[in-house]
Amino acid sequence: MVKRLLDLPGLPGSDAADALGIAITHAQVGRTMARLSEATALARTTSGMYRQGRTR
């Protein structure tokens, strides 16, 4: 999979493939966490109108 994702001309060694796989995963998680933090910040600004609780 690393070979396909990075369009490598040949197969990397097993240790190199592991290291590249971890780097790819880290990059993807970083993007996802950035998106989540943006969504959370938005939720924090809009949830203020609910601070008074439910009305009965």
PDB file of N, CA and C in Angstrom:
ATOM      1  N   MET A   1       0.815  -1.178   0.000  1.00  0.00           N
ATOM      2  CA  MET A   1       0.000   0.000   0.000  1.00  0.00           C
ATOM      3  C   MET A   1       0.871   1.258   0.000  1.00  0.00           C
ATOM      4  N   VAL A   2       1.962   1.228   0.750  1.00  0.00           N
ATOM      5  CA  VAL A   2       2.878   2.368   0.780  1.00  0.00           C
ATOM      6  C   VAL A   2       3.420   2.630  -0.621  1.00  0.00           C
ATOM      7  N   LYS A   3       3.753   1.561  -1.322  1.00  0.00           N
ATOM      8  CA  LYS A   3       4.266   1.704  -2.695  1.00  0.00           C
ATOM      9  C   LYS A   3       3.236   2.392  -3.581  1.00  0.00           C
ATOM     10  N   ARG A   4       1.966   2.014  -3.439  1.00  0.00           N
ATOM     11  CA  ARG A   4       0.907   2.615  -4.258  1.00  0.00           C
ATOM     12  C   ARG A   4       0.658   4.070  -3.878  1.00  0.00           C
ATOM     13  N   LEU A   5       0.594   4.344  -2.580  1.00  0.00           N
ATOM     14  CA  LEU A   5       0.309   5.701  -2.126  1.00  0.00           C
ATOM     15  C   LEU A   5       1.398   6.690  -2.526  1.00  0.00           C
ATOM     16  N   LEU A   6       2.635   6.247  -2.446  1.00  0.00           N
ATOM     17  CA  LEU A   6       3.757   7.138  -2.744  1.00  0.00           C
ATOM     18  C   LEU A   6       4.269   6.994  -4.172  1.00  0.00           C
ATOM     19  N   ASP A   7       3.649   6.116  -4.939  1.00  0.00           N
ATOM     20  CA  ASP A   7       4.039   5.877  -6.331  1.00  0.00           C
ATOM     21  C   ASP A   7       5.544   5.584  -6.443  1.00  0.00           C
ATOM     22  N   LEU A   8       5.991   4.636  -5.618  1.00  0.00           N
ATOM     23  CA  LEU A   8       7.401   4.258  -5.602  1.00  0.00           C
ATOM     24  C   LEU A   8       7.716   3.324  -6.766  1.00  0.00           C
ATOM     25  N   PRO A   9       8.935   3.387  -7.291  1.00  0.00           N
ATOM     26  CA  PRO A   9       9.300   2.506  -8.408  1.00  0.00           C
ATOM     27  C   PRO A   9       9.455   1.049  -7.999  1.00  0.00           C
ATOM     28  N   GLY A  10       9.751   0.789  -6.730  1.00  0.00           N
ATOM     29  CA  GLY A  10       9.925  -0.584  -6.254  1.00  0.00           C
ATOM     30  C   GLY A  10       9.433  -0.709  -4.833  1.00  0.00           C
ATOM     31  N   LEU A  11       9.490  -1.930  -4.325  1.00  0.00           N
ATOM     32  CA  LEU A  11       9.057  -2.165  -2.955  1.00  0.00           C
ATOM     33  C   LEU A  11      10.122  -1.698  -1.970  1.00  0.00           C
ATOM     34  N   PRO A  12       9.718  -0.938  -0.941  1.00  0.00           N
ATOM     35  CA  PRO A  12      10.693  -0.576   0.088  1.00  0.00           C
ATOM     36  C   PRO A  12      10.939  -1.767   1.010  1.00  0.00           C
ATOM     37  N   GLY A  13      12.032  -1.734   1.731  1.00  0.00           N
ATOM     38  CA  GLY A  13      12.297  -2.776   2.713  1.00  0.00           C
ATOM     39  C   GLY A  13      11.216  -2.763   3.786  1.00  0.00           C
ATOM     40  N   SER A  14      11.134  -3.833   4.549  1.00  0.00           N
ATOM     41  CA  SER A  14      10.043  -3.927   5.529  1.00  0.00           C
ATOM     42  C   SER A  14      10.119  -2.823   6.583  1.00  0.00           C
ATOM     43  N   ASP A  15      11.326  -2.512   7.066  1.00  0.00           N
ATOM     44  CA  ASP A  15      11.458  -1.438   8.055  1.00  0.00           C
ATOM     45  C   ASP A  15      11.119  -0.091   7.442  1.00  0.00           C
ATOM     46  N   ALA A  16      11.555   0.141   6.223  1.00  0.00           N
ATOM     47  CA  ALA A  16      11.248   1.405   5.546  1.00  0.00           C
ATOM     48  C   ALA A  16       9.751   1.521   5.279  1.00  0.00           C
ATOM     49  N   ALA A  17       9.121   0.423   4.888  1.00  0.00           N
ATOM     50  CA  ALA A  17       7.678   0.441   4.647  1.00  0.00           C
ATOM     51  C   ALA A  17       6.925   0.742   5.943  1.00  0.00           C
ATOM     52  N   ASP A  18       7.374   0.175   7.054  1.00  0.00           N
ATOM     53  CA  ASP A  18       6.752   0.455   8.346  1.00  0.00           C
ATOM     54  C   ASP A  18       6.891   1.929   8.703  1.00  0.00           C
ATOM     55  N   ALA A  19       8.085   2.464   8.534  1.00  0.00           N
ATOM     56  CA  ALA A  19       8.329   3.871   8.867  1.00  0.00           C
ATOM     57  C   ALA A  19       7.501   4.791   7.972  1.00  0.00           C
ATOM     58  N   LEU A  20       7.435   4.490   6.697  1.00  0.00           N
ATOM     59  CA  LEU A  20       6.636   5.308   5.779  1.00  0.00           C
ATOM     60  C   LEU A  20       5.151   5.200   6.099  1.00  0.00           C
ATOM     61  N   GLY A  21       4.706   4.017   6.451  1.00  0.00           N
ATOM     62  CA  GLY A  21       3.304   3.833   6.826  1.00  0.00           C
ATOM     63  C   GLY A  21       2.941   4.641   8.061  1.00  0.00           C
ATOM     64  N   ILE A  22       3.828   4.676   9.028  1.00  0.00           N
ATOM     65  CA  ILE A  22       3.597   5.472  10.230  1.00  0.00           C
ATOM     66  C   ILE A  22       3.573   6.959   9.889  1.00  0.00           C
ATOM     67  N   ALA A  23       4.471   7.395   9.012  1.00  0.00           N
ATOM     68  CA  ALA A  23       4.501   8.801   8.614  1.00  0.00           C
ATOM     69  C   ALA A  23       3.221   9.195   7.881  1.00  0.00           C
ATOM     70  N   ILE A  24       2.739   8.329   7.010  1.00  0.00           N
ATOM     71  CA  ILE A  24       1.498   8.602   6.275  1.00  0.00           C
ATOM     72  C   ILE A  24       0.331   8.686   7.253  1.00  0.00           C
ATOM     73  N   THR A  25       0.267   7.752   8.186  1.00  0.00           N
ATOM     74  CA  THR A  25      -0.805   7.752   9.187  1.00  0.00           C
ATOM     75  C   THR A  25      -0.745   9.016  10.036  1.00  0.00           C
ATOM     76  N   HIS A  26       0.435   9.417  10.449  1.00  0.00           N
ATOM     77  CA  HIS A  26       0.603  10.622  11.258  1.00  0.00           C
ATOM     78  C   HIS A  26       0.115  11.855  10.494  1.00  0.00           C
ATOM     79  N   ALA A  27       0.435  11.938   9.215  1.00  0.00           N
ATOM     80  CA  ALA A  27      -0.005  13.074   8.406  1.00  0.00           C
ATOM     81  C   ALA A  27      -1.528  13.101   8.291  1.00  0.00           C
ATOM     82  N   GLN A  28      -2.139  11.944   8.095  1.00  0.00           N
ATOM     83  CA  GLN A  28      -3.597  11.876   7.979  1.00  0.00           C
ATOM     84  C   GLN A  28      -4.276  12.235   9.299  1.00  0.00           C
ATOM     85  N   VAL A  29      -3.754  11.751  10.398  1.00  0.00           N
ATOM     86  CA  VAL A  29      -4.329  12.047  11.706  1.00  0.00           C
ATOM     87  C   VAL A  29      -4.186  13.539  12.009  1.00  0.00           C
ATOM     88  N   GLY A  30      -3.077  14.129  11.612  1.00  0.00           N
ATOM     89  CA  GLY A  30      -2.882  15.560  11.828  1.00  0.00           C
ATOM     90  C   GLY A  30      -3.951  16.384  11.129  1.00  0.00           C
ATOM     91  N   ARG A  31      -4.276  16.034   9.906  1.00  0.00           N
ATOM     92  CA  ARG A  31      -5.327  16.741   9.167  1.00  0.00           C
ATOM     93  C   ARG A  31      -6.682  16.553   9.837  1.00  0.00           C
ATOM     94  N   THR A  32      -6.955  15.323  10.242  1.00  0.00           N
ATOM     95  CA  THR A  32      -8.234  15.028  10.887  1.00  0.00           C
ATOM     96  C   THR A  32      -8.361  15.784  12.202  1.00  0.00           C
ATOM     97  N   MET A  33      -7.303  15.811  12.996  1.00  0.00           N
ATOM     98  CA  MET A  33      -7.346  16.524  14.265  1.00  0.00           C
ATOM     99  C   MET A  33      -7.530  18.029  14.048  1.00  0.00           C
ATOM    100  N   ALA A  34      -6.932  18.576  13.015  1.00  0.00           N
ATOM    101  CA  ALA A  34      -7.113  19.999  12.712  1.00  0.00           C
ATOM    102  C   ALA A  34      -8.569  20.285  12.362  1.00  0.00           C
ATOM    103  N   ARG A  35      -9.177  19.419  11.568  1.00  0.00           N
ATOM    104  CA  ARG A  35     -10.596  19.593  11.234  1.00  0.00           C
ATOM    105  C   ARG A  35     -11.482  19.473  12.466  1.00  0.00           C
ATOM    106  N   LEU A  36     -11.171  18.512  13.326  1.00  0.00           N
ATOM    107  CA  LEU A  36     -11.953  18.348  14.552  1.00  0.00           C
ATOM    108  C   LEU A  36     -11.830  19.568  15.464  1.00  0.00           C
ATOM    109  N   SER A  37     -10.640  20.121  15.560  1.00  0.00           N
ATOM    110  CA  SER A  37     -10.470  21.291  16.424  1.00  0.00           C
ATOM    111  C   SER A  37     -11.240  22.486  15.867  1.00  0.00           C
ATOM    112  N   GLU A  38     -11.307  22.617  14.546  1.00  0.00           N
ATOM    113  CA  GLU A  38     -12.106  23.689  13.954  1.00  0.00           C
ATOM    114  C   GLU A  38     -13.585  23.471  14.245  1.00  0.00           C
ATOM    115  N   ALA A  39     -14.048  22.248  14.125  1.00  0.00           N
ATOM    116  CA  ALA A  39     -15.455  21.941  14.385  1.00  0.00           C
ATOM    117  C   ALA A  39     -15.783  22.153  15.856  1.00  0.00           C
ATOM    118  N   THR A  40     -14.875  21.788  16.731  1.00  0.00           N
ATOM    119  CA  THR A  40     -15.101  21.958  18.161  1.00  0.00           C
ATOM    120  C   THR A  40     -15.145  23.430  18.524  1.00  0.00           C
ATOM    121  N   ALA A  41     -14.278  24.226  17.931  1.00  0.00           N
ATOM    122  CA  ALA A  41     -14.289  25.661  18.207  1.00  0.00           C
ATOM    123  C   ALA A  41     -15.614  26.270  17.757  1.00  0.00           C
ATOM    124  N   LEU A  42     -16.126  25.828  16.632  1.00  0.00           N
ATOM    125  CA  LEU A  42     -17.401  26.317  16.136  1.00  0.00           C
ATOM    126  C   LEU A  42     -18.521  25.899  17.079  1.00  0.00           C
ATOM    127  N   ALA A  43     -18.485  24.667  17.537  1.00  0.00           N
ATOM    128  CA  ALA A  43     -19.516  24.187  18.447  1.00  0.00           C
ATOM    129  C   ALA A  43     -19.488  24.968  19.760  1.00  0.00           C
ATOM    130  N   ARG A  44     -18.298  25.330  20.215  1.00  0.00           N
ATOM    131  CA  ARG A  44     -18.191  26.089  21.464  1.00  0.00           C
ATOM    132  C   ARG A  44     -18.809  27.469  21.317  1.00  0.00           C
ATOM    133  N   THR A  45     -18.674  28.091  20.157  1.00  0.00           N
ATOM    134  CA  THR A  45     -19.221  29.437  19.993  1.00  0.00           C
ATOM    135  C   THR A  45     -20.730  29.402  19.813  1.00  0.00           C
ATOM    136  N   THR A  46     -21.270  28.341  19.252  1.00  0.00           N
ATOM    137  CA  THR A  46     -22.711  28.296  19.024  1.00  0.00           C
ATOM    138  C   THR A  46     -23.474  27.688  20.193  1.00  0.00           C
ATOM    139  N   SER A  47     -22.787  26.968  21.086  1.00  0.00           N
ATOM    140  CA  SER A  47     -23.510  26.319  22.174  1.00  0.00           C
ATOM    141  C   SER A  47     -23.800  27.266  23.323  1.00  0.00           C
ATOM    142  N   GLY A  48     -23.315  28.491  23.288  1.00  0.00           N
ATOM    143  CA  GLY A  48     -23.560  29.438  24.359  1.00  0.00           C
ATOM    144  C   GLY A  48     -25.032  29.742  24.550  1.00  0.00           C
ATOM    145  N   MET A  49     -25.820  29.625  23.512  1.00  0.00           N
ATOM    146  CA  MET A  49     -27.234  29.940  23.643  1.00  0.00           C
ATOM    147  C   MET A  49     -27.988  28.875  24.429  1.00  0.00           C
ATOM    148  N   TYR A  50     -27.347  27.753  24.726  1.00  0.00           N
ATOM    149  CA  TYR A  50     -28.000  26.686  25.479  1.00  0.00           C
ATOM    150  C   TYR A  50     -27.529  26.650  26.932  1.00  0.00           C
ATOM    151  N   ARG A  51     -26.760  27.603  27.376  1.00  0.00           N
ATOM    152  CA  ARG A  51     -26.188  27.564  28.721  1.00  0.00           C
ATOM    153  C   ARG A  51     -27.267  27.686  29.798  1.00  0.00           C
ATOM    154  N   GLN A  52     -28.404  28.307  29.513  1.00  0.00           N
ATOM    155  CA  GLN A  52     -29.423  28.496  30.527  1.00  0.00           C
ATOM    156  C   GLN A  52     -30.185  27.203  30.821  1.00  0.00           C
ATOM    157  N   GLY A  53     -30.003  26.203  30.045  1.00  0.00           N
ATOM    158  CA  GLY A  53     -30.651  24.920  30.278  1.00  0.00           C
ATOM    159  C   GLY A  53     -31.988  24.826  29.579  1.00  0.00           C
ATOM    160  N   ARG A  54     -32.698  23.760  29.863  1.00  0.00           N
ATOM    161  CA  ARG A  54     -33.989  23.514  29.216  1.00  0.00           C
ATOM    162  C   ARG A  54     -35.079  24.389  29.809  1.00  0.00           C
ATOM    163  N   THR A  55     -36.024  24.707  28.993  1.00  0.00           N
ATOM    164  CA  THR A  55     -37.218  25.378  29.496  1.00  0.00           C
ATOM    165  C   THR A  55     -38.313  24.343  29.638  1.00  0.00           C
ATOM    166  N   ARG A  56     -39.086  24.416  30.676  1.00  0.00           N
ATOM    167  CA  ARG A  56     -40.115  23.391  30.906  1.00  0.00           C
ATOM    168  C   ARG A  56     -41.468  23.889  30.616  1.00  0.00           C
TER     169      ARG A  56
END
